[in-house]
Protein backbone atom coordinates (compact mmCIF):
# COMPACT_ATOMS: atom_id res chain seq x y z
CA UNK A 1 0.00 0.00 0.00
CA UNK A 2 2.72 2.50 0.91
CA UNK A 3 4.78 1.73 -2.18
CA UNK A 4 1.82 2.88 -4.25
CA UNK A 5 2.14 6.23 -2.50
CA UNK A 6 5.79 6.52 -3.45
CA UNK A 7 6.99 5.66 0.03
CA UNK A 8 9.75 3.43 -1.18
CA UNK A 9 10.58 -0.16 -1.81
CA UNK A 10 10.44 -2.27 1.30
CA UNK A 11 7.64 -0.23 2.85
CA UNK A 12 4.94 -2.50 4.24
CA UNK A 13 1.75 -1.28 5.82
CA UNK A 14 1.24 -4.63 7.57
CA UNK A 15 4.77 -4.63 8.96
CA UNK A 16 4.52 -0.99 10.04
CA UNK A 17 1.19 -1.65 11.74
CA UNK A 18 2.69 -4.62 13.60
CA UNK A 19 5.69 -2.49 14.61
CA UNK A 20 3.44 0.31 15.87
CA UNK A 21 1.37 -2.18 17.84
CA UNK A 22 4.52 -3.74 19.32
CA UNK A 23 5.94 -0.34 20.22
CA UNK A 24 2.71 0.66 21.96
CA UNK A 25 2.69 -2.66 23.84
CA UNK A 26 6.27 -1.98 24.98
CA UNK A 27 5.22 1.47 26.14
CA UNK A 28 2.31 -0.05 28.08
CA UNK A 29 4.77 -2.20 30.01
CA UNK A 30 7.03 0.81 30.54
CA UNK A 31 9.37 1.94 27.79
CA UNK A 32 12.76 0.45 28.63
CA UNK A 33 15.26 2.06 26.27
CA UNK A 34 16.86 5.48 25.88
CA UNK A 35 15.16 8.62 24.61
CA UNK A 36 17.02 8.56 21.29
CA UNK A 37 15.61 5.08 20.57
CA UNK A 38 12.13 6.19 21.65
CA UNK A 39 12.11 8.90 18.99
CA UNK A 40 13.62 6.49 16.48
CA UNK A 41 10.85 3.99 17.26
CA UNK A 42 8.21 6.68 16.65
CA UNK A 43 9.32 6.88 13.03
CA UNK A 44 7.12 3.89 12.23
CA UNK A 45 4.05 5.96 13.15
CA UNK A 46 5.36 8.73 10.89
CA UNK A 47 5.58 6.22 8.02
CA UNK A 48 2.04 5.02 8.72
CA UNK A 49 0.79 8.60 8.60
CA UNK A 50 2.35 9.15 5.19
CA UNK A 51 0.32 6.19 3.96
CA UNK A 52 -2.87 7.38 5.65
CA UNK A 53 -2.77 10.78 3.98
CA UNK A 54 -1.72 9.54 0.53
CA UNK A 55 -4.67 10.17 -1.75
CA UNK A 56 -3.46 7.44 -4.08
CA UNK A 57 -4.09 4.85 -1.37
CA UNK A 58 -7.49 5.94 -0.13
CA UNK A 59 -9.35 3.74 -2.61
CA UNK A 60 -7.16 0.67 -2.17
CA UNK A 61 -8.93 -2.42 -0.85
CA UNK A 62 -8.36 -2.73 2.89
CA UNK A 63 -7.55 0.96 3.40
CA UNK A 64 -10.54 1.50 5.70
CA UNK A 65 -9.67 -1.53 7.80
CA UNK A 66 -6.08 -0.33 8.05
CA UNK A 67 -7.22 3.13 9.16
CA UNK A 68 -9.46 1.63 11.85
CA UNK A 69 -6.62 -0.59 13.09
CA UNK A 70 -4.28 2.41 13.31
CA UNK A 71 -6.89 4.46 15.18
CA UNK A 72 -7.41 1.62 17.68
CA UNK A 73 -3.68 1.41 18.42
CA UNK A 74 -3.46 5.21 18.56
CA UNK A 75 -6.16 5.26 21.23
CA UNK A 76 -4.19 2.82 23.36
CA UNK A 77 -1.08 4.96 22.90
CA UNK A 78 -3.02 8.08 23.94
CA UNK A 79 -3.99 6.30 27.17
CA UNK A 80 -0.37 5.32 27.86
CA UNK A 81 1.53 8.39 26.67
CA UNK A 82 0.22 10.90 29.16
CA UNK A 83 3.36 12.93 29.95
CA UNK A 84 3.61 15.98 27.69
CA UNK A 85 6.99 17.20 26.50
CA UNK A 86 7.85 20.64 25.15
CA UNK A 87 9.31 20.64 21.68
CA UNK A 88 11.25 23.54 20.19
CA UNK A 89 8.97 23.55 17.13
CA UNK A 90 5.77 21.69 18.07
CA UNK A 91 4.13 22.39 14.72
CA UNK A 92 6.85 20.35 13.00
CA UNK A 93 5.75 17.15 14.73
CA UNK A 94 2.54 15.13 14.91
CA UNK A 95 0.72 14.55 18.18
CA UNK A 96 2.53 11.28 19.00
CA UNK A 97 5.81 13.20 19.28
CA UNK A 98 4.36 15.57 21.91
CA UNK A 99 3.85 12.95 24.62
CA UNK A 100 5.75 10.11 26.27
CA UNK A 101 4.62 7.16 28.38
CA UNK A 102 4.20 7.90 32.07
CA UNK A 103 6.25 4.81 32.94
CA UNK A 104 9.62 3.64 31.77
CA UNK A 105 13.03 2.29 32.55
CA UNK A 106 15.58 4.22 34.54
CA UNK A 107 17.61 5.34 31.50
CA UNK A 108 14.50 6.56 29.70
CA UNK A 109 13.32 8.39 32.83
CA UNK A 110 16.77 9.99 33.30
CA UNK A 111 16.83 11.14 29.67
CA UNK A 112 13.36 12.66 29.97
CA UNK A 113 14.26 14.48 33.16
CA UNK A 114 17.52 15.76 31.66
CA UNK A 115 16.20 16.85 28.25
CA UNK A 116 12.62 17.88 29.03
CA UNK A 117 12.34 18.25 32.80
CA UNK A 118 9.68 15.54 32.77
CA UNK A 119 9.40 12.99 35.56
CA UNK A 120 7.85 9.58 34.96
CA UNK A 121 7.37 6.48 37.09
CA UNK A 122 10.43 4.22 36.89
CA UNK A 123 9.70 0.54 36.35
CA UNK A 124 11.82 -2.17 37.87
CA UNK A 125 13.53 -4.52 35.55
C-alpha atoms as a PDB file:
ATOM      1  CA  UNK A   1       0.000   0.000   0.000  1.00  0.00           C
ATOM      2  CA  UNK A   2       2.723   2.501   0.914  1.00  0.00           C
ATOM      3  CA  UNK A   3       4.785   1.726  -2.184  1.00  0.00           C
ATOM      4  CA  UNK A   4       1.821   2.882  -4.254  1.00  0.00           C
ATOM      5  CA  UNK A   5       2.145   6.233  -2.498  1.00  0.00           C
ATOM      6  CA  UNK A   6       5.793   6.517  -3.451  1.00  0.00           C
ATOM      7  CA  UNK A   7       6.994   5.664   0.033  1.00  0.00           C
ATOM      8  CA  UNK A   8       9.750   3.425  -1.180  1.00  0.00           C
ATOM      9  CA  UNK A   9      10.578  -0.158  -1.809  1.00  0.00           C
ATOM     10  CA  UNK A  10      10.445  -2.269   1.303  1.00  0.00           C
ATOM     11  CA  UNK A  11       7.635  -0.231   2.855  1.00  0.00           C
ATOM     12  CA  UNK A  12       4.939  -2.495   4.238  1.00  0.00           C
ATOM     13  CA  UNK A  13       1.749  -1.284   5.818  1.00  0.00           C
ATOM     14  CA  UNK A  14       1.236  -4.627   7.568  1.00  0.00           C
ATOM     15  CA  UNK A  15       4.772  -4.632   8.956  1.00  0.00           C
ATOM     16  CA  UNK A  16       4.516  -0.994  10.039  1.00  0.00           C
ATOM     17  CA  UNK A  17       1.192  -1.647  11.743  1.00  0.00           C
ATOM     18  CA  UNK A  18       2.692  -4.620  13.598  1.00  0.00           C
ATOM     19  CA  UNK A  19       5.688  -2.492  14.605  1.00  0.00           C
ATOM     20  CA  UNK A  20       3.437   0.311  15.870  1.00  0.00           C
ATOM     21  CA  UNK A  21       1.369  -2.182  17.837  1.00  0.00           C
ATOM     22  CA  UNK A  22       4.525  -3.738  19.321  1.00  0.00           C
ATOM     23  CA  UNK A  23       5.943  -0.343  20.221  1.00  0.00           C
ATOM     24  CA  UNK A  24       2.708   0.659  21.958  1.00  0.00           C
ATOM     25  CA  UNK A  25       2.689  -2.660  23.840  1.00  0.00           C
ATOM     26  CA  UNK A  26       6.269  -1.981  24.978  1.00  0.00           C
ATOM     27  CA  UNK A  27       5.217   1.474  26.142  1.00  0.00           C
ATOM     28  CA  UNK A  28       2.309  -0.049  28.079  1.00  0.00           C
ATOM     29  CA  UNK A  29       4.769  -2.201  30.008  1.00  0.00           C
ATOM     30  CA  UNK A  30       7.031   0.810  30.539  1.00  0.00           C
ATOM     31  CA  UNK A  31       9.371   1.938  27.795  1.00  0.00           C
ATOM     32  CA  UNK A  32      12.755   0.445  28.629  1.00  0.00           C
ATOM     33  CA  UNK A  33      15.260   2.056  26.269  1.00  0.00           C
ATOM     34  CA  UNK A  34      16.862   5.477  25.881  1.00  0.00           C
ATOM     35  CA  UNK A  35      15.161   8.624  24.614  1.00  0.00           C
ATOM     36  CA  UNK A  36      17.023   8.561  21.293  1.00  0.00           C
ATOM     37  CA  UNK A  37      15.612   5.082  20.575  1.00  0.00           C
ATOM     38  CA  UNK A  38      12.132   6.188  21.652  1.00  0.00           C
ATOM     39  CA  UNK A  39      12.108   8.904  18.989  1.00  0.00           C
ATOM     40  CA  UNK A  40      13.619   6.494  16.484  1.00  0.00           C
ATOM     41  CA  UNK A  41      10.852   3.988  17.259  1.00  0.00           C
ATOM     42  CA  UNK A  42       8.209   6.677  16.648  1.00  0.00           C
ATOM     43  CA  UNK A  43       9.318   6.884  13.026  1.00  0.00           C
ATOM     44  CA  UNK A  44       7.124   3.888  12.230  1.00  0.00           C
ATOM     45  CA  UNK A  45       4.055   5.962  13.147  1.00  0.00           C
ATOM     46  CA  UNK A  46       5.355   8.733  10.889  1.00  0.00           C
ATOM     47  CA  UNK A  47       5.578   6.216   8.025  1.00  0.00           C
ATOM     48  CA  UNK A  48       2.042   5.025   8.723  1.00  0.00           C
ATOM     49  CA  UNK A  49       0.790   8.599   8.605  1.00  0.00           C
ATOM     50  CA  UNK A  50       2.348   9.151   5.188  1.00  0.00           C
ATOM     51  CA  UNK A  51       0.322   6.189   3.964  1.00  0.00           C
ATOM     52  CA  UNK A  52      -2.865   7.381   5.650  1.00  0.00           C
ATOM     53  CA  UNK A  53      -2.771  10.782   3.978  1.00  0.00           C
ATOM     54  CA  UNK A  54      -1.719   9.544   0.532  1.00  0.00           C
ATOM     55  CA  UNK A  55      -4.672  10.172  -1.753  1.00  0.00           C
ATOM     56  CA  UNK A  56      -3.459   7.441  -4.084  1.00  0.00           C
ATOM     57  CA  UNK A  57      -4.090   4.848  -1.368  1.00  0.00           C
ATOM     58  CA  UNK A  58      -7.491   5.942  -0.134  1.00  0.00           C
ATOM     59  CA  UNK A  59      -9.345   3.742  -2.611  1.00  0.00           C
ATOM     60  CA  UNK A  60      -7.158   0.666  -2.173  1.00  0.00           C
ATOM     61  CA  UNK A  61      -8.927  -2.422  -0.846  1.00  0.00           C
ATOM     62  CA  UNK A  62      -8.363  -2.729   2.887  1.00  0.00           C
ATOM     63  CA  UNK A  63      -7.554   0.956   3.404  1.00  0.00           C
ATOM     64  CA  UNK A  64     -10.543   1.500   5.696  1.00  0.00           C
ATOM     65  CA  UNK A  65      -9.666  -1.531   7.804  1.00  0.00           C
ATOM     66  CA  UNK A  66      -6.081  -0.333   8.046  1.00  0.00           C
ATOM     67  CA  UNK A  67      -7.220   3.135   9.164  1.00  0.00           C
ATOM     68  CA  UNK A  68      -9.460   1.627  11.847  1.00  0.00           C
ATOM     69  CA  UNK A  69      -6.619  -0.590  13.090  1.00  0.00           C
ATOM     70  CA  UNK A  70      -4.276   2.409  13.312  1.00  0.00           C
ATOM     71  CA  UNK A  71      -6.889   4.456  15.184  1.00  0.00           C
ATOM     72  CA  UNK A  72      -7.411   1.624  17.681  1.00  0.00           C
ATOM     73  CA  UNK A  73      -3.683   1.412  18.418  1.00  0.00           C
ATOM     74  CA  UNK A  74      -3.457   5.207  18.557  1.00  0.00           C
ATOM     75  CA  UNK A  75      -6.163   5.256  21.234  1.00  0.00           C
ATOM     76  CA  UNK A  76      -4.189   2.822  23.358  1.00  0.00           C
ATOM     77  CA  UNK A  77      -1.085   4.961  22.899  1.00  0.00           C
ATOM     78  CA  UNK A  78      -3.017   8.080  23.943  1.00  0.00           C
ATOM     79  CA  UNK A  79      -3.992   6.303  27.173  1.00  0.00           C
ATOM     80  CA  UNK A  80      -0.367   5.318  27.856  1.00  0.00           C
ATOM     81  CA  UNK A  81       1.533   8.385  26.670  1.00  0.00           C
ATOM     82  CA  UNK A  82       0.220  10.900  29.164  1.00  0.00           C
ATOM     83  CA  UNK A  83       3.359  12.926  29.951  1.00  0.00           C
ATOM     84  CA  UNK A  84       3.612  15.977  27.687  1.00  0.00           C
ATOM     85  CA  UNK A  85       6.992  17.200  26.498  1.00  0.00           C
ATOM     86  CA  UNK A  86       7.855  20.636  25.154  1.00  0.00           C
ATOM     87  CA  UNK A  87       9.312  20.636  21.679  1.00  0.00           C
ATOM     88  CA  UNK A  88      11.252  23.540  20.188  1.00  0.00           C
ATOM     89  CA  UNK A  89       8.969  23.553  17.130  1.00  0.00           C
ATOM     90  CA  UNK A  90       5.775  21.695  18.071  1.00  0.00           C
ATOM     91  CA  UNK A  91       4.133  22.385  14.721  1.00  0.00           C
ATOM     92  CA  UNK A  92       6.853  20.352  12.997  1.00  0.00           C
ATOM     93  CA  UNK A  93       5.749  17.149  14.729  1.00  0.00           C
ATOM     94  CA  UNK A  94       2.538  15.125  14.907  1.00  0.00           C
ATOM     95  CA  UNK A  95       0.721  14.545  18.183  1.00  0.00           C
ATOM     96  CA  UNK A  96       2.532  11.277  19.000  1.00  0.00           C
ATOM     97  CA  UNK A  97       5.808  13.196  19.285  1.00  0.00           C
ATOM     98  CA  UNK A  98       4.363  15.568  21.915  1.00  0.00           C
ATOM     99  CA  UNK A  99       3.854  12.946  24.623  1.00  0.00           C
ATOM    100  CA  UNK A 100       5.746  10.112  26.269  1.00  0.00           C
ATOM    101  CA  UNK A 101       4.624   7.162  28.378  1.00  0.00           C
ATOM    102  CA  UNK A 102       4.205   7.903  32.066  1.00  0.00           C
ATOM    103  CA  UNK A 103       6.248   4.807  32.937  1.00  0.00           C
ATOM    104  CA  UNK A 104       9.623   3.644  31.766  1.00  0.00           C
ATOM    105  CA  UNK A 105      13.028   2.285  32.551  1.00  0.00           C
ATOM    106  CA  UNK A 106      15.578   4.222  34.543  1.00  0.00           C
ATOM    107  CA  UNK A 107      17.612   5.341  31.503  1.00  0.00           C
ATOM    108  CA  UNK A 108      14.499   6.565  29.698  1.00  0.00           C
ATOM    109  CA  UNK A 109      13.324   8.386  32.826  1.00  0.00           C
ATOM    110  CA  UNK A 110      16.767   9.995  33.300  1.00  0.00           C
ATOM    111  CA  UNK A 111      16.826  11.137  29.665  1.00  0.00           C
ATOM    112  CA  UNK A 112      13.357  12.659  29.967  1.00  0.00           C
ATOM    113  CA  UNK A 113      14.262  14.477  33.160  1.00  0.00           C
ATOM    114  CA  UNK A 114      17.524  15.756  31.660  1.00  0.00           C
ATOM    115  CA  UNK A 115      16.199  16.849  28.246  1.00  0.00           C
ATOM    116  CA  UNK A 116      12.617  17.880  29.029  1.00  0.00           C
ATOM    117  CA  UNK A 117      12.339  18.255  32.799  1.00  0.00           C
ATOM    118  CA  UNK A 118       9.675  15.538  32.772  1.00  0.00           C
ATOM    119  CA  UNK A 119       9.402  12.995  35.560  1.00  0.00           C
ATOM    120  CA  UNK A 120       7.852   9.576  34.959  1.00  0.00           C
ATOM    121  CA  UNK A 121       7.374   6.482  37.090  1.00  0.00           C
ATOM    122  CA  UNK A 122      10.426   4.215  36.889  1.00  0.00           C
ATOM    123  CA  UNK A 123       9.697   0.539  36.350  1.00  0.00           C
ATOM    124  CA  UNK A 124      11.816  -2.174  37.870  1.00  0.00           C
ATOM    125  CA  UNK A 125      13.527  -4.522  35.548  1.00  0.00           C
END
